[in-house]
């Protein structure tokens, strides 16, 4: 598992019309983007394993949003993390082992920031 990708659709329901904006990969681009939450080190997940969980998006006062991520599988636990305009950390631990991977994610810099070590 290299990370997670997420996108969303918003319905703006007006009195005369409804406008739908989606950041889905199959839709026309908007000023909003898809979000990639990459891990520094991939975690091996077997084909028979299921990863499930919840993502909770919360609008913040910086005209951005925070994402709370949490989930589990029979062999994997995704620990609570968040991303937003400020830094957040995503941690994945392979249950029953000492194998883990984490990354600090900056929503405002989603291109290649975490693909290399700047130090």
PDB file of N, CA and C in Angstrom:
ATOM      1  N   UNK A   1       0.853  -1.155   0.000  1.00  0.00           N
ATOM      2  CA  UNK A   1       0.000   0.000   0.000  1.00  0.00           C
ATOM      3  C   UNK A   1       0.902   1.222   0.000  1.00  0.00           C
ATOM      4  N   UNK A   2       0.777   2.049  -1.003  1.00  0.00           N
ATOM      5  CA  UNK A   2       1.610   3.241  -1.133  1.00  0.00           C
ATOM      6  C   UNK A   2       0.971   4.464  -0.497  1.00  0.00           C
ATOM      7  N   UNK A   3      -0.322   4.418  -0.261  1.00  0.00           N
ATOM      8  CA  UNK A   3      -1.026   5.550   0.329  1.00  0.00           C
ATOM      9  C   UNK A   3      -2.497   5.484  -0.022  1.00  0.00           C
ATOM     10  N   UNK A   4      -3.167   6.581   0.155  1.00  0.00           N
ATOM     11  CA  UNK A   4      -4.588   6.696  -0.153  1.00  0.00           C
ATOM     12  C   UNK A   4      -4.814   7.877  -1.077  1.00  0.00           C
ATOM     13  N   UNK A   5      -5.828   7.773  -1.899  1.00  0.00           N
ATOM     14  CA  UNK A   5      -6.264   8.893  -2.735  1.00  0.00           C
ATOM     15  C   UNK A   5      -7.709   9.189  -2.378  1.00  0.00           C
ATOM     16  N   UNK A   6      -8.073  10.442  -2.365  1.00  0.00           N
ATOM     17  CA  UNK A   6      -9.466  10.778  -2.075  1.00  0.00           C
ATOM     18  C   UNK A   6      -9.902  11.962  -2.920  1.00  0.00           C
ATOM     19  N   UNK A   7     -11.197  12.011  -3.151  1.00  0.00           N
ATOM     20  CA  UNK A   7     -11.833  13.109  -3.862  1.00  0.00           C
ATOM     21  C   UNK A   7     -13.248  13.216  -3.346  1.00  0.00           C
ATOM     22  N   UNK A   8     -13.919  14.298  -3.711  1.00  0.00           N
ATOM     23  CA  UNK A   8     -15.265  14.505  -3.201  1.00  0.00           C
ATOM     24  C   UNK A   8     -16.122  15.214  -4.240  1.00  0.00           C
ATOM     25  N   UNK A   9     -17.418  15.163  -4.013  1.00  0.00           N
ATOM     26  CA  UNK A   9     -18.405  15.854  -4.839  1.00  0.00           C
ATOM     27  C   UNK A   9     -19.250  16.723  -3.920  1.00  0.00           C
ATOM     28  N   UNK A  10     -19.492  17.969  -4.328  1.00  0.00           N
ATOM     29  CA  UNK A  10     -20.300  18.901  -3.541  1.00  0.00           C
ATOM     30  C   UNK A  10     -21.491  19.335  -4.374  1.00  0.00           C
ATOM     31  N   UNK A  11     -22.689  19.282  -3.786  1.00  0.00           N
ATOM     32  CA  UNK A  11     -23.907  19.790  -4.417  1.00  0.00           C
ATOM     33  C   UNK A  11     -24.251  21.129  -3.780  1.00  0.00           C
ATOM     34  N   UNK A  12     -24.218  22.206  -4.571  1.00  0.00           N
ATOM     35  CA  UNK A  12     -24.655  23.518  -4.112  1.00  0.00           C
ATOM     36  C   UNK A  12     -26.109  23.672  -4.533  1.00  0.00           C
ATOM     37  N   UNK A  13     -27.018  23.527  -3.585  1.00  0.00           N
ATOM     38  CA  UNK A  13     -28.448  23.534  -3.887  1.00  0.00           C
ATOM     39  C   UNK A  13     -28.971  24.952  -3.729  1.00  0.00           C
ATOM     40  N   UNK A  14     -29.315  25.573  -4.857  1.00  0.00           N
ATOM     41  CA  UNK A  14     -29.854  26.923  -4.853  1.00  0.00           C
ATOM     42  C   UNK A  14     -31.361  26.920  -5.020  1.00  0.00           C
ATOM     43  N   UNK A  15     -31.963  28.102  -4.997  1.00  0.00           N
ATOM     44  CA  UNK A  15     -33.416  28.190  -5.161  1.00  0.00           C
ATOM     45  C   UNK A  15     -33.835  27.941  -6.601  1.00  0.00           C
ATOM     46  N   UNK A  16     -32.984  28.289  -7.565  1.00  0.00           N
ATOM     47  CA  UNK A  16     -33.337  28.113  -8.979  1.00  0.00           C
ATOM     48  C   UNK A  16     -32.621  26.926  -9.622  1.00  0.00           C
ATOM     49  N   UNK A  17     -31.451  26.578  -9.116  1.00  0.00           N
ATOM     50  CA  UNK A  17     -30.679  25.502  -9.748  1.00  0.00           C
ATOM     51  C   UNK A  17     -29.734  24.873  -8.730  1.00  0.00           C
ATOM     52  N   UNK A  18     -29.277  23.688  -9.062  1.00  0.00           N
ATOM     53  CA  UNK A  18     -28.266  22.996  -8.266  1.00  0.00           C
ATOM     54  C   UNK A  18     -26.993  22.897  -9.092  1.00  0.00           C
ATOM     55  N   UNK A  19     -25.878  23.287  -8.495  1.00  0.00           N
ATOM     56  CA  UNK A  19     -24.578  23.199  -9.156  1.00  0.00           C
ATOM     57  C   UNK A  19     -23.784  22.100  -8.460  1.00  0.00           C
ATOM     58  N   UNK A  20     -23.225  21.189  -9.256  1.00  0.00           N
ATOM     59  CA  UNK A  20     -22.450  20.075  -8.718  1.00  0.00           C
ATOM     60  C   UNK A  20     -20.995  20.237  -9.148  1.00  0.00           C
ATOM     61  N   UNK A  21     -20.091  20.232  -8.182  1.00  0.00           N
ATOM     62  CA  UNK A  21     -18.655  20.260  -8.459  1.00  0.00           C
ATOM     63  C   UNK A  21     -18.046  18.988  -7.890  1.00  0.00           C
ATOM     64  N   UNK A  22     -17.248  18.312  -8.698  1.00  0.00           N
ATOM     65  CA  UNK A  22     -16.609  17.077  -8.264  1.00  0.00           C
ATOM     66  C   UNK A  22     -15.115  17.148  -8.531  1.00  0.00           C
ATOM     67  N   UNK A  23     -14.338  16.590  -7.626  1.00  0.00           N
ATOM     68  CA  UNK A  23     -12.893  16.482  -7.830  1.00  0.00           C
ATOM     69  C   UNK A  23     -12.509  15.072  -8.263  1.00  0.00           C
ATOM     70  N   UNK A  24     -13.502  14.259  -8.620  1.00  0.00           N
ATOM     71  CA  UNK A  24     -13.253  12.888  -9.050  1.00  0.00           C
ATOM     72  C   UNK A  24     -12.350  12.821 -10.270  1.00  0.00           C
ATOM     73  N   UNK A  25     -11.580  11.758 -10.416  1.00  0.00           N
ATOM     74  CA  UNK A  25     -10.633  11.636 -11.526  1.00  0.00           C
ATOM     75  C   UNK A  25     -11.308  11.539 -12.890  1.00  0.00           C
ATOM     76  N   UNK A  26     -12.565  11.224 -12.947  1.00  0.00           N
ATOM     77  CA  UNK A  26     -13.296  11.088 -14.206  1.00  0.00           C
ATOM     78  C   UNK A  26     -14.060  12.352 -14.569  1.00  0.00           C
ATOM     79  N   UNK A  27     -14.032  13.390 -13.713  1.00  0.00           N
ATOM     80  CA  UNK A  27     -14.786  14.621 -13.945  1.00  0.00           C
ATOM     81  C   UNK A  27     -13.883  15.741 -14.442  1.00  0.00           C
ATOM     82  N   UNK A  28     -14.506  16.782 -14.967  1.00  0.00           N
ATOM     83  CA  UNK A  28     -13.787  17.969 -15.420  1.00  0.00           C
ATOM     84  C   UNK A  28     -13.108  18.635 -14.227  1.00  0.00           C
ATOM     85  N   UNK A  29     -11.909  19.147 -14.426  1.00  0.00           N
ATOM     86  CA  UNK A  29     -11.164  19.776 -13.342  1.00  0.00           C
ATOM     87  C   UNK A  29     -11.854  21.002 -12.778  1.00  0.00           C
ATOM     88  N   UNK A  30     -11.636  21.266 -11.502  1.00  0.00           N
ATOM     89  CA  UNK A  30     -12.151  22.454 -10.825  1.00  0.00           C
ATOM     90  C   UNK A  30     -10.983  23.123 -10.113  1.00  0.00           C
ATOM     91  N   UNK A  31     -11.286  24.168  -9.341  1.00  0.00           N
ATOM     92  CA  UNK A  31     -10.242  24.807  -8.541  1.00  0.00           C
ATOM     93  C   UNK A  31      -9.903  23.978  -7.304  1.00  0.00           C
ATOM     94  N   UNK A  32     -10.670  22.932  -7.038  1.00  0.00           N
ATOM     95  CA  UNK A  32     -10.357  21.971  -5.985  1.00  0.00           C
ATOM     96  C   UNK A  32      -9.618  20.801  -6.610  1.00  0.00           C
ATOM     97  N   UNK A  33      -8.918  20.056  -5.813  1.00  0.00           N
ATOM     98  CA  UNK A  33      -8.089  18.987  -6.337  1.00  0.00           C
ATOM     99  C   UNK A  33      -8.338  17.678  -5.603  1.00  0.00           C
ATOM    100  N   UNK A  34      -7.855  16.608  -6.184  1.00  0.00           N
ATOM    101  CA  UNK A  34      -7.821  15.324  -5.493  1.00  0.00           C
ATOM    102  C   UNK A  34      -6.696  15.392  -4.462  1.00  0.00           C
ATOM    103  N   UNK A  35      -6.776  14.565  -3.467  1.00  0.00           N
ATOM    104  CA  UNK A  35      -5.780  14.578  -2.407  1.00  0.00           C
ATOM    105  C   UNK A  35      -5.067  13.233  -2.364  1.00  0.00           C
ATOM    106  N   UNK A  36      -3.737  13.267  -2.359  1.00  0.00           N
ATOM    107  CA  UNK A  36      -2.937  12.048  -2.231  1.00  0.00           C
ATOM    108  C   UNK A  36      -2.288  12.040  -0.859  1.00  0.00           C
ATOM    109  N   UNK A  37      -2.449  10.952  -0.157  1.00  0.00           N
ATOM    110  CA  UNK A  37      -1.818  10.791   1.146  1.00  0.00           C
ATOM    111  C   UNK A  37      -0.829   9.639   1.020  1.00  0.00           C
ATOM    112  N   UNK A  38       0.386   9.952   0.560  1.00  0.00           N
ATOM    113  CA  UNK A  38       1.402   8.928   0.317  1.00  0.00           C
ATOM    114  C   UNK A  38       2.183   8.618   1.585  1.00  0.00           C
ATOM    115  N   UNK A  39       2.582   7.374   1.703  1.00  0.00           N
ATOM    116  CA  UNK A  39       3.442   6.947   2.793  1.00  0.00           C
ATOM    117  C   UNK A  39       4.898   7.031   2.340  1.00  0.00           C
ATOM    118  N   UNK A  40       5.806   7.320   3.260  1.00  0.00           N
ATOM    119  CA  UNK A  40       7.223   7.351   2.892  1.00  0.00           C
ATOM    120  C   UNK A  40       7.710   5.979   2.463  1.00  0.00           C
ATOM    121  N   UNK A  41       7.249   4.933   3.147  1.00  0.00           N
ATOM    122  CA  UNK A  41       7.599   3.558   2.805  1.00  0.00           C
ATOM    123  C   UNK A  41       6.314   2.773   2.594  1.00  0.00           C
ATOM    124  N   UNK A  42       6.137   2.140   1.429  1.00  0.00           N
ATOM    125  CA  UNK A  42       4.934   1.324   1.201  1.00  0.00           C
ATOM    126  C   UNK A  42       4.848   0.177   2.208  1.00  0.00           C
ATOM    127  N   UNK A  43       3.636  -0.269   2.462  1.00  0.00           N
ATOM    128  CA  UNK A  43       3.366  -1.400   3.347  1.00  0.00           C
ATOM    129  C   UNK A  43       2.792  -2.522   2.492  1.00  0.00           C
ATOM    130  N   UNK A  44       3.321  -3.736   2.633  1.00  0.00           N
ATOM    131  CA  UNK A  44       2.819  -4.879   1.867  1.00  0.00           C
ATOM    132  C   UNK A  44       1.475  -5.323   2.436  1.00  0.00           C
ATOM    133  N   UNK A  45       0.475  -5.405   1.566  1.00  0.00           N
ATOM    134  CA  UNK A  45      -0.851  -5.888   1.939  1.00  0.00           C
ATOM    135  C   UNK A  45      -1.178  -7.038   1.001  1.00  0.00           C
ATOM    136  N   UNK A  46      -1.536  -8.180   1.559  1.00  0.00           N
ATOM    137  CA  UNK A  46      -1.868  -9.339   0.742  1.00  0.00           C
ATOM    138  C   UNK A  46      -3.218  -9.179   0.058  1.00  0.00           C
ATOM    139  N   UNK A  47      -3.376  -9.870  -1.050  1.00  0.00           N
ATOM    140  CA  UNK A  47      -4.594  -9.788  -1.844  1.00  0.00           C
ATOM    141  C   UNK A  47      -5.839 -10.138  -1.029  1.00  0.00           C
ATOM    142  N   UNK A  48      -5.731 -11.062  -0.111  1.00  0.00           N
ATOM    143  CA  UNK A  48      -6.893 -11.491   0.668  1.00  0.00           C
ATOM    144  C   UNK A  48      -7.251 -10.524   1.797  1.00  0.00           C
ATOM    145  N   UNK A  49      -6.397  -9.554   2.072  1.00  0.00           N
ATOM    146  CA  UNK A  49      -6.658  -8.608   3.150  1.00  0.00           C
ATOM    147  C   UNK A  49      -7.540  -7.465   2.662  1.00  0.00           C
ATOM    148  N   UNK A  50      -8.382  -6.981   3.557  1.00  0.00           N
ATOM    149  CA  UNK A  50      -9.263  -5.860   3.248  1.00  0.00           C
ATOM    150  C   UNK A  50      -8.888  -4.669   4.115  1.00  0.00           C
ATOM    151  N   UNK A  51      -8.726  -3.511   3.500  1.00  0.00           N
ATOM    152  CA  UNK A  51      -8.462  -2.280   4.232  1.00  0.00           C
ATOM    153  C   UNK A  51      -9.750  -1.471   4.208  1.00  0.00           C
ATOM    154  N   UNK A  52     -10.210  -1.031   5.359  1.00  0.00           N
ATOM    155  CA  UNK A  52     -11.426  -0.231   5.412  1.00  0.00           C
ATOM    156  C   UNK A  52     -11.264   0.828   6.481  1.00  0.00           C
ATOM    157  N   UNK A  53     -12.114   1.855   6.423  1.00  0.00           N
ATOM    158  CA  UNK A  53     -12.023   2.923   7.408  1.00  0.00           C
ATOM    159  C   UNK A  53     -12.899   4.093   7.036  1.00  0.00           C
ATOM    160  N   UNK A  54     -12.642   5.226   7.650  1.00  0.00           N
ATOM    161  CA  UNK A  54     -13.416   6.442   7.439  1.00  0.00           C
ATOM    162  C   UNK A  54     -12.484   7.617   7.191  1.00  0.00           C
ATOM    163  N   UNK A  55     -12.912   8.514   6.326  1.00  0.00           N
ATOM    164  CA  UNK A  55     -12.259   9.810   6.156  1.00  0.00           C
ATOM    165  C   UNK A  55     -13.295  10.859   6.519  1.00  0.00           C
ATOM    166  N   UNK A  56     -12.937  11.774   7.388  1.00  0.00           N
ATOM    167  CA  UNK A  56     -13.864  12.820   7.813  1.00  0.00           C
ATOM    168  C   UNK A  56     -13.292  14.168   7.400  1.00  0.00           C
ATOM    169  N   UNK A  57     -13.958  14.842   6.469  1.00  0.00           N
ATOM    170  CA  UNK A  57     -13.518  16.143   5.980  1.00  0.00           C
ATOM    171  C   UNK A  57     -14.184  17.236   6.812  1.00  0.00           C
ATOM    172  N   UNK A  58     -13.413  18.201   7.279  1.00  0.00           N
ATOM    173  CA  UNK A  58     -13.939  19.318   8.045  1.00  0.00           C
ATOM    174  C   UNK A  58     -13.400  20.613   7.456  1.00  0.00           C
ATOM    175  N   UNK A  59     -14.293  21.526   7.069  1.00  0.00           N
ATOM    176  CA  UNK A  59     -13.854  22.835   6.566  1.00  0.00           C
ATOM    177  C   UNK A  59     -13.195  23.594   7.712  1.00  0.00           C
ATOM    178  N   UNK A  60     -12.101  24.296   7.404  1.00  0.00           N
ATOM    179  CA  UNK A  60     -11.455  25.091   8.443  1.00  0.00           C
ATOM    180  C   UNK A  60     -11.492  26.567   8.066  1.00  0.00           C
ATOM    181  N   UNK A  61     -11.007  27.418   8.949  1.00  0.00           N
ATOM    182  CA  UNK A  61     -11.084  28.862   8.710  1.00  0.00           C
ATOM    183  C   UNK A  61      -9.958  29.373   7.823  1.00  0.00           C
ATOM    184  N   UNK A  62      -9.179  28.499   7.226  1.00  0.00           N
ATOM    185  CA  UNK A  62      -8.104  28.888   6.307  1.00  0.00           C
ATOM    186  C   UNK A  62      -8.504  28.632   4.853  1.00  0.00           C
ATOM    187  N   UNK A  63      -9.812  28.510   4.592  1.00  0.00           N
ATOM    188  CA  UNK A  63     -10.340  28.216   3.252  1.00  0.00           C
ATOM    189  C   UNK A  63      -9.753  26.916   2.701  1.00  0.00           C
ATOM    190  N   UNK A  64      -9.573  25.981   3.575  1.00  0.00           N
ATOM    191  CA  UNK A  64      -9.079  24.668   3.217  1.00  0.00           C
ATOM    192  C   UNK A  64      -9.888  23.662   4.020  1.00  0.00           C
ATOM    193  N   UNK A  65      -9.369  22.477   4.204  1.00  0.00           N
ATOM    194  CA  UNK A  65     -10.073  21.492   5.007  1.00  0.00           C
ATOM    195  C   UNK A  65      -9.078  20.581   5.702  1.00  0.00           C
ATOM    196  N   UNK A  66      -9.528  20.022   6.809  1.00  0.00           N
ATOM    197  CA  UNK A  66      -8.753  19.038   7.544  1.00  0.00           C
ATOM    198  C   UNK A  66      -9.355  17.675   7.259  1.00  0.00           C
ATOM    199  N   UNK A  67      -8.534  16.649   7.230  1.00  0.00           N
ATOM    200  CA  UNK A  67      -9.015  15.290   6.988  1.00  0.00           C
ATOM    201  C   UNK A  67      -8.568  14.418   8.151  1.00  0.00           C
ATOM    202  N   UNK A  68      -9.532  13.780   8.798  1.00  0.00           N
ATOM    203  CA  UNK A  68      -9.222  12.785   9.821  1.00  0.00           C
ATOM    204  C   UNK A  68      -9.307  11.422   9.171  1.00  0.00           C
ATOM    205  N   UNK A  69      -8.284  10.615   9.330  1.00  0.00           N
ATOM    206  CA  UNK A  69      -8.227   9.307   8.687  1.00  0.00           C
ATOM    207  C   UNK A  69      -8.060   8.234   9.750  1.00  0.00           C
ATOM    208  N   UNK A  70      -8.895   7.219   9.670  1.00  0.00           N
ATOM    209  CA  UNK A  70      -8.813   6.125  10.620  1.00  0.00           C
ATOM    210  C   UNK A  70      -9.392   4.886   9.969  1.00  0.00           C
ATOM    211  N   UNK A  71      -8.778   3.754  10.161  1.00  0.00           N
ATOM    212  CA  UNK A  71      -9.310   2.540   9.566  1.00  0.00           C
ATOM    213  C   UNK A  71      -8.575   1.315  10.062  1.00  0.00           C
ATOM    214  N   UNK A  72      -9.140   0.153   9.782  1.00  0.00           N
ATOM    215  CA  UNK A  72      -8.505  -1.086  10.196  1.00  0.00           C
ATOM    216  C   UNK A  72      -8.758  -2.173   9.167  1.00  0.00           C
ATOM    217  N   UNK A  73      -7.994  -3.221   9.243  1.00  0.00           N
ATOM    218  CA  UNK A  73      -8.251  -4.458   8.515  1.00  0.00           C
ATOM    219  C   UNK A  73      -7.815  -5.580   9.443  1.00  0.00           C
ATOM    220  N   UNK A  74      -7.895  -6.827   8.993  1.00  0.00           N
ATOM    221  CA  UNK A  74      -7.483  -7.914   9.876  1.00  0.00           C
ATOM    222  C   UNK A  74      -5.976  -7.920  10.110  1.00  0.00           C
ATOM    223  N   UNK A  75      -5.187  -7.241   9.273  1.00  0.00           N
ATOM    224  CA  UNK A  75      -3.739  -7.208   9.438  1.00  0.00           C
ATOM    225  C   UNK A  75      -3.173  -5.794   9.451  1.00  0.00           C
ATOM    226  N   UNK A  76      -4.024  -4.782   9.348  1.00  0.00           N
ATOM    227  CA  UNK A  76      -3.508  -3.429   9.237  1.00  0.00           C
ATOM    228  C   UNK A  76      -4.335  -2.466  10.059  1.00  0.00           C
ATOM    229  N   UNK A  77      -3.682  -1.535  10.704  1.00  0.00           N
ATOM    230  CA  UNK A  77      -4.366  -0.477  11.435  1.00  0.00           C
ATOM    231  C   UNK A  77      -3.857   0.848  10.897  1.00  0.00           C
ATOM    232  N   UNK A  78      -4.754   1.710  10.471  1.00  0.00           N
ATOM    233  CA  UNK A  78      -4.378   3.056  10.050  1.00  0.00           C
ATOM    234  C   UNK A  78      -4.671   3.964  11.234  1.00  0.00           C
ATOM    235  N   UNK A  79      -3.630   4.466  11.865  1.00  0.00           N
ATOM    236  CA  UNK A  79      -3.791   5.275  13.062  1.00  0.00           C
ATOM    237  C   UNK A  79      -4.376   6.634  12.696  1.00  0.00           C
ATOM    238  N   UNK A  80      -4.992   7.289  13.667  1.00  0.00           N
ATOM    239  CA  UNK A  80      -5.602   8.592  13.423  1.00  0.00           C
ATOM    240  C   UNK A  80      -4.542   9.591  12.974  1.00  0.00           C
ATOM    241  N   UNK A  81      -4.858  10.357  11.965  1.00  0.00           N
ATOM    242  CA  UNK A  81      -4.003  11.421  11.476  1.00  0.00           C
ATOM    243  C   UNK A  81      -4.870  12.510  10.892  1.00  0.00           C
ATOM    244  N   UNK A  82      -4.296  13.606  10.487  1.00  0.00           N
ATOM    245  CA  UNK A  82      -5.083  14.640   9.825  1.00  0.00           C
ATOM    246  C   UNK A  82      -4.182  15.361   8.852  1.00  0.00           C
ATOM    247  N   UNK A  83      -4.801  15.930   7.838  1.00  0.00           N
ATOM    248  CA  UNK A  83      -4.069  16.818   6.945  1.00  0.00           C
ATOM    249  C   UNK A  83      -4.917  18.049   6.724  1.00  0.00           C
ATOM    250  N   UNK A  84      -4.316  19.137   6.443  1.00  0.00           N
ATOM    251  CA  UNK A  84      -5.039  20.375   6.221  1.00  0.00           C
ATOM    252  C   UNK A  84      -4.071  21.405   5.693  1.00  0.00           C
ATOM    253  N   UNK A  85      -4.389  22.660   5.873  1.00  0.00           N
ATOM    254  CA  UNK A  85      -3.499  23.711   5.409  1.00  0.00           C
ATOM    255  C   UNK A  85      -2.167  23.628   6.153  1.00  0.00           C
ATOM    256  N   UNK A  86      -2.214  23.157   7.373  1.00  0.00           N
ATOM    257  CA  UNK A  86      -1.003  22.945   8.154  1.00  0.00           C
ATOM    258  C   UNK A  86      -0.567  21.493   7.988  1.00  0.00           C
ATOM    259  N   UNK A  87       0.571  21.154   8.570  1.00  0.00           N
ATOM    260  CA  UNK A  87       1.103  19.799   8.421  1.00  0.00           C
ATOM    261  C   UNK A  87       0.288  18.798   9.227  1.00  0.00           C
ATOM    262  N   UNK A  88       0.267  17.565   8.763  1.00  0.00           N
ATOM    263  CA  UNK A  88      -0.367  16.479   9.500  1.00  0.00           C
ATOM    264  C   UNK A  88       0.434  15.222   9.263  1.00  0.00           C
ATOM    265  N   UNK A  89       0.249  14.238  10.100  1.00  0.00           N
ATOM    266  CA  UNK A  89       0.999  13.001   9.947  1.00  0.00           C
ATOM    267  C   UNK A  89       0.051  11.836   9.726  1.00  0.00           C
ATOM    268  N   UNK A  90       0.376  11.025   8.746  1.00  0.00           N
ATOM    269  CA  UNK A  90      -0.368   9.811   8.437  1.00  0.00           C
ATOM    270  C   UNK A  90       0.519   8.641   8.853  1.00  0.00           C
ATOM    271  N   UNK A  91       0.004   7.753   9.688  1.00  0.00           N
ATOM    272  CA  UNK A  91       0.774   6.617  10.187  1.00  0.00           C
ATOM    273  C   UNK A  91       0.038   5.330   9.852  1.00  0.00           C
ATOM    274  N   UNK A  92       0.744   4.356   9.302  1.00  0.00           N
ATOM    275  CA  UNK A  92       0.176   3.037   9.029  1.00  0.00           C
ATOM    276  C   UNK A  92       1.067   2.005   9.709  1.00  0.00           C
ATOM    277  N   UNK A  93       0.450   1.085  10.446  1.00  0.00           N
ATOM    278  CA  UNK A  93       1.181   0.036  11.158  1.00  0.00           C
ATOM    279  C   UNK A  93       0.628  -1.315  10.736  1.00  0.00           C
ATOM    280  N   UNK A  94       1.511  -2.237  10.404  1.00  0.00           N
ATOM    281  CA  UNK A  94       1.105  -3.599  10.088  1.00  0.00           C
ATOM    282  C   UNK A  94       0.942  -4.339  11.406  1.00  0.00           C
ATOM    283  N   UNK A  95      -0.297  -4.689  11.730  1.00  0.00           N
ATOM    284  CA  UNK A  95      -0.640  -5.277  13.022  1.00  0.00           C
ATOM    285  C   UNK A  95       0.172  -6.540  13.298  1.00  0.00           C
ATOM    286  N   UNK A  96       0.640  -6.675  14.533  1.00  0.00           N
ATOM    287  CA  UNK A  96       1.377  -7.859  14.939  1.00  0.00           C
ATOM    288  C   UNK A  96       2.837  -7.854  14.535  1.00  0.00           C
ATOM    289  N   UNK A  97       3.319  -6.745  13.966  1.00  0.00           N
ATOM    290  CA  UNK A  97       4.717  -6.641  13.548  1.00  0.00           C
ATOM    291  C   UNK A  97       5.275  -5.306  14.010  1.00  0.00           C
ATOM    292  N   UNK A  98       6.558  -5.097  13.763  1.00  0.00           N
ATOM    293  CA  UNK A  98       7.165  -3.796  14.035  1.00  0.00           C
ATOM    294  C   UNK A  98       7.227  -2.951  12.766  1.00  0.00           C
ATOM    295  N   UNK A  99       6.537  -3.378  11.703  1.00  0.00           N
ATOM    296  CA  UNK A  99       6.544  -2.670  10.422  1.00  0.00           C
ATOM    297  C   UNK A  99       5.568  -1.507  10.482  1.00  0.00           C
ATOM    298  N   UNK A 100       6.052  -0.318  10.153  1.00  0.00           N
ATOM    299  CA  UNK A 100       5.181   0.857  10.114  1.00  0.00           C
ATOM    300  C   UNK A 100       5.706   1.837   9.078  1.00  0.00           C
ATOM    301  N   UNK A 101       4.871   2.775   8.706  1.00  0.00           N
ATOM    302  CA  UNK A 101       5.263   3.829   7.781  1.00  0.00           C
ATOM    303  C   UNK A 101       4.471   5.072   8.133  1.00  0.00           C
ATOM    304  N   UNK A 102       5.104   6.222   8.037  1.00  0.00           N
ATOM    305  CA  UNK A 102       4.445   7.486   8.367  1.00  0.00           C
ATOM    306  C   UNK A 102       4.905   8.552   7.393  1.00  0.00           C
ATOM    307  N   UNK A 103       4.156   9.623   7.310  1.00  0.00           N
ATOM    308  CA  UNK A 103       4.547  10.738   6.471  1.00  0.00           C
ATOM    309  C   UNK A 103       3.841  11.990   6.934  1.00  0.00           C
ATOM    310  N   UNK A 104       4.530  13.119   6.861  1.00  0.00           N
ATOM    311  CA  UNK A 104       3.908  14.414   7.085  1.00  0.00           C
ATOM    312  C   UNK A 104       3.386  14.901   5.749  1.00  0.00           C
ATOM    313  N   UNK A 105       2.116  15.271   5.720  1.00  0.00           N
ATOM    314  CA  UNK A 105       1.452  15.642   4.472  1.00  0.00           C
ATOM    315  C   UNK A 105       1.071  17.110   4.530  1.00  0.00           C
ATOM    316  N   UNK A 106       1.386  17.846   3.489  1.00  0.00           N
ATOM    317  CA  UNK A 106       1.041  19.266   3.388  1.00  0.00           C
ATOM    318  C   UNK A 106       0.037  19.433   2.251  1.00  0.00           C
ATOM    319  N   UNK A 107      -1.187  19.732   2.616  1.00  0.00           N
ATOM    320  CA  UNK A 107      -2.244  19.843   1.621  1.00  0.00           C
ATOM    321  C   UNK A 107      -1.944  20.924   0.593  1.00  0.00           C
ATOM    322  N   UNK A 108      -1.308  22.014   1.014  1.00  0.00           N
ATOM    323  CA  UNK A 108      -1.034  23.108   0.085  1.00  0.00           C
ATOM    324  C   UNK A 108       0.082  22.768  -0.897  1.00  0.00           C
ATOM    325  N   UNK A 109       0.780  21.664  -0.696  1.00  0.00           N
ATOM    326  CA  UNK A 109       1.910  21.295  -1.550  1.00  0.00           C
ATOM    327  C   UNK A 109       1.783  19.816  -1.910  1.00  0.00           C
ATOM    328  N   UNK A 110       0.789  19.475  -2.714  1.00  0.00           N
ATOM    329  CA  UNK A 110       0.451  18.083  -2.986  1.00  0.00           C
ATOM    330  C   UNK A 110       1.171  17.493  -4.196  1.00  0.00           C
ATOM    331  N   UNK A 111       2.097  18.178  -4.800  1.00  0.00           N
ATOM    332  CA  UNK A 111       2.701  17.635  -6.014  1.00  0.00           C
ATOM    333  C   UNK A 111       3.776  16.593  -5.706  1.00  0.00           C
ATOM    334  N   UNK A 112       4.996  17.007  -5.477  1.00  0.00           N
ATOM    335  CA  UNK A 112       6.083  16.046  -5.301  1.00  0.00           C
ATOM    336  C   UNK A 112       6.854  16.279  -4.018  1.00  0.00           C
ATOM    337  N   UNK A 113       6.298  17.031  -3.111  1.00  0.00           N
ATOM    338  CA  UNK A 113       6.997  17.403  -1.878  1.00  0.00           C
ATOM    339  C   UNK A 113       7.537  16.189  -1.127  1.00  0.00           C
ATOM    340  N   UNK A 114       6.722  15.149  -0.988  1.00  0.00           N
ATOM    341  CA  UNK A 114       7.125  14.004  -0.184  1.00  0.00           C
ATOM    342  C   UNK A 114       7.678  12.874  -1.032  1.00  0.00           C
ATOM    343  N   UNK A 115       8.029  13.144  -2.287  1.00  0.00           N
ATOM    344  CA  UNK A 115       8.622  12.122  -3.137  1.00  0.00           C
ATOM    345  C   UNK A 115      10.143  12.080  -2.974  1.00  0.00           C
ATOM    346  N   UNK A 116      10.707  13.059  -2.289  1.00  0.00           N
ATOM    347  CA  UNK A 116      12.149  13.079  -2.075  1.00  0.00           C
ATOM    348  C   UNK A 116      12.446  13.748  -0.742  1.00  0.00           C
ATOM    349  N   UNK A 117      13.636  13.560  -0.253  1.00  0.00           N
ATOM    350  CA  UNK A 117      14.056  14.169   0.997  1.00  0.00           C
ATOM    351  C   UNK A 117      14.788  15.459   0.666  1.00  0.00           C
ATOM    352  N   UNK A 118      14.280  16.586   1.144  1.00  0.00           N
ATOM    353  CA  UNK A 118      14.872  17.885   0.827  1.00  0.00           C
ATOM    354  C   UNK A 118      16.153  18.145   1.615  1.00  0.00           C
ATOM    355  N   UNK A 119      16.390  17.377   2.662  1.00  0.00           N
ATOM    356  CA  UNK A 119      17.573  17.614   3.505  1.00  0.00           C
ATOM    357  C   UNK A 119      18.843  17.140   2.843  1.00  0.00           C
TER     358      UNK A 119
END
